[in-house]
């Protein structure tokens, strides 16, 4: 049974920081590409950050320079460090695991991030 469990969300003031974690089980984590997506109320889900099996990263323009994605294959965990948070970062953040060769894709249940004073 595949599980992706996000944690670390919460309420933070503008300019603050949060670190999201996504712990994976039931998959060979090291062969999956991992991503963080977010969905704000009334908007479509969008890619925030992505990390390949080899550690290459890419980011949405709106978070470049503020967010950092990383992975620890020994812990089967992917992280999203979010700094200088803005109200427009408010959304439910989802972890995604994708294996390009098989097209298998899995999603976590999401964690709420609210940026507000």
Protein backbone atom coordinates (compact mmCIF):
# COMPACT_ATOMS: atom_id res chain seq x y z
CA UNK A 1 0.00 0.00 0.00
CA UNK A 2 1.44 3.31 -1.10
CA UNK A 3 1.22 6.23 1.28
CA UNK A 4 2.46 9.79 1.02
CA UNK A 5 1.99 11.64 4.29
CA UNK A 6 2.52 15.40 4.38
CA UNK A 7 3.20 17.37 7.53
CA UNK A 8 4.42 20.80 8.57
CA UNK A 9 1.61 23.01 7.38
CA UNK A 10 0.00 25.67 9.52
CA UNK A 11 -0.66 29.34 10.02
CA UNK A 12 2.23 31.75 9.58
CA UNK A 13 2.57 35.51 9.27
CA UNK A 14 3.75 37.12 6.04
CA UNK A 15 7.52 36.94 5.83
CA UNK A 16 7.62 33.81 7.93
CA UNK A 17 8.86 30.31 7.12
CA UNK A 18 7.54 26.78 7.12
CA UNK A 19 9.07 23.44 6.25
CA UNK A 20 6.82 20.82 4.74
CA UNK A 21 7.72 17.14 4.83
CA UNK A 22 6.33 14.23 2.84
CA UNK A 23 7.12 10.73 4.06
CA UNK A 24 6.63 7.97 1.50
CA UNK A 25 6.02 4.29 2.10
CA UNK A 26 5.16 1.38 -0.15
CA UNK A 27 7.33 2.59 -3.03
CA UNK A 28 10.99 2.43 -3.97
CA UNK A 29 11.40 6.11 -3.19
CA UNK A 30 14.73 6.61 -4.95
CA UNK A 31 13.32 5.81 -8.40
CA UNK A 32 10.48 8.30 -8.15
CA UNK A 33 10.51 11.92 -9.15
CA UNK A 34 8.92 14.00 -6.41
CA UNK A 35 6.93 17.19 -6.53
CA UNK A 36 5.02 19.65 -4.43
CA UNK A 37 1.79 21.08 -5.81
CA UNK A 38 -0.67 23.50 -4.30
CA UNK A 39 -4.29 24.38 -4.77
CA UNK A 40 -5.85 27.59 -3.56
CA UNK A 41 -9.64 27.99 -3.21
CA UNK A 42 -11.26 28.42 -6.60
CA UNK A 43 -8.02 27.76 -8.46
CA UNK A 44 -6.50 24.82 -10.27
CA UNK A 45 -3.78 22.72 -8.71
CA UNK A 46 -0.36 24.00 -9.78
CA UNK A 47 3.18 22.72 -9.63
CA UNK A 48 5.28 24.49 -7.01
CA UNK A 49 8.55 22.56 -7.10
CA UNK A 50 9.92 19.35 -8.56
CA UNK A 51 12.99 17.23 -7.90
CA UNK A 52 14.28 14.43 -10.09
CA UNK A 53 15.77 11.14 -9.01
CA UNK A 54 19.18 12.69 -9.55
CA UNK A 55 18.40 15.77 -7.50
CA UNK A 56 17.79 18.31 -10.24
CA UNK A 57 15.16 20.85 -9.27
CA UNK A 58 12.78 23.29 -10.88
CA UNK A 59 10.35 25.79 -9.45
CA UNK A 60 7.33 27.83 -10.34
CA UNK A 61 8.34 31.40 -11.12
CA UNK A 62 6.24 32.65 -8.21
CA UNK A 63 8.34 30.79 -5.62
CA UNK A 64 11.84 30.96 -7.12
CA UNK A 65 14.34 32.27 -4.60
CA UNK A 66 11.96 31.66 -1.69
CA UNK A 67 11.23 27.92 -1.73
CA UNK A 68 13.68 25.02 -1.78
CA UNK A 69 12.81 21.39 -2.50
CA UNK A 70 15.08 18.60 -1.31
CA UNK A 71 14.95 14.87 -0.80
CA UNK A 72 16.48 12.35 1.58
CA UNK A 73 16.37 8.93 -0.05
CA UNK A 74 17.56 7.25 3.16
CA UNK A 75 14.46 8.57 4.94
CA UNK A 76 12.07 8.24 1.98
CA UNK A 77 11.19 11.87 2.51
CA UNK A 78 10.90 14.99 0.39
CA UNK A 79 10.93 18.46 1.90
CA UNK A 80 9.79 21.93 0.90
CA UNK A 81 11.45 24.79 2.74
CA UNK A 82 9.32 27.88 2.32
CA UNK A 83 10.77 31.26 3.26
CA UNK A 84 9.45 34.80 2.99
CA UNK A 85 5.92 33.50 2.74
CA UNK A 86 3.27 35.70 1.19
CA UNK A 87 -0.53 35.68 1.54
CA UNK A 88 -0.77 34.40 -2.04
CA UNK A 89 1.08 31.26 -0.95
CA UNK A 90 -2.01 30.25 1.03
CA UNK A 91 -3.21 26.89 -0.30
CA UNK A 92 -3.40 23.20 0.36
CA UNK A 93 -0.02 21.72 -0.50
CA UNK A 94 0.15 18.22 -1.96
CA UNK A 95 3.05 15.83 -2.32
CA UNK A 96 3.34 13.89 -5.57
CA UNK A 97 5.41 10.86 -6.53
CA UNK A 98 5.85 10.02 -10.20
CA UNK A 99 7.75 7.23 -11.89
CA UNK A 100 8.40 8.20 -15.53
CA UNK A 101 9.03 4.67 -16.83
CA UNK A 102 5.72 3.25 -15.58
CA UNK A 103 3.71 6.49 -15.40
CA UNK A 104 2.69 5.54 -11.86
CA UNK A 105 1.64 8.60 -9.89
CA UNK A 106 0.64 8.93 -6.27
CA UNK A 107 -0.67 11.85 -4.21
CA UNK A 108 -0.68 12.71 -0.55
CA UNK A 109 -3.74 13.93 1.30
CA UNK A 110 -2.54 17.53 1.46
CA UNK A 111 -1.55 19.94 4.21
CA UNK A 112 -2.97 23.42 4.67
CA UNK A 113 -0.67 26.44 4.59
CA UNK A 114 -2.20 29.76 5.58
CA UNK A 115 -0.22 32.99 5.40
CA UNK A 116 -2.00 35.77 7.22
CA UNK A 117 -1.41 38.50 9.74
